[in-house]
């Protein structure tokens, strides 16, 4: 049975393993920076099969008006079992009163479809545009 709970900083090595498994190598080049990012995260929640971390979500923001789902990863062996949706639902429940919960992902990707299935909408649907540098 899969259990969900907030992640502790002590579990960062397991988090790094999931980043590596998913090819998110930018997070793996500077342990101090990654540790600082996790310390300053607004919300982190992990999915566990026994003691094994099999997925997590990490959010940043002010928790009042905006929350960004910065990372959502699920181990390939557990995809399609509702783990990602459960993690997203935890975010929606935790930040139910927040004006905007948003995520940035590749247009047309599998992840884009996943977030749409979770009830999220493209910025354009709300008359919004996103910019980055």
Foldseek 3Di string as FASTA:
>chain_A
DKDKDFDDLVCVVLVVVQCVQVVVCVLVPDPVVNSVCQVQWPTKMFIDDVPHTFWMWTWHDDLAAEIEGEDTTGHPVCPPVCPSLVRVVVVCVSSVNYNDYYYDDDPPDPVVVVVVVSVDDPQVVVVHDDDDD
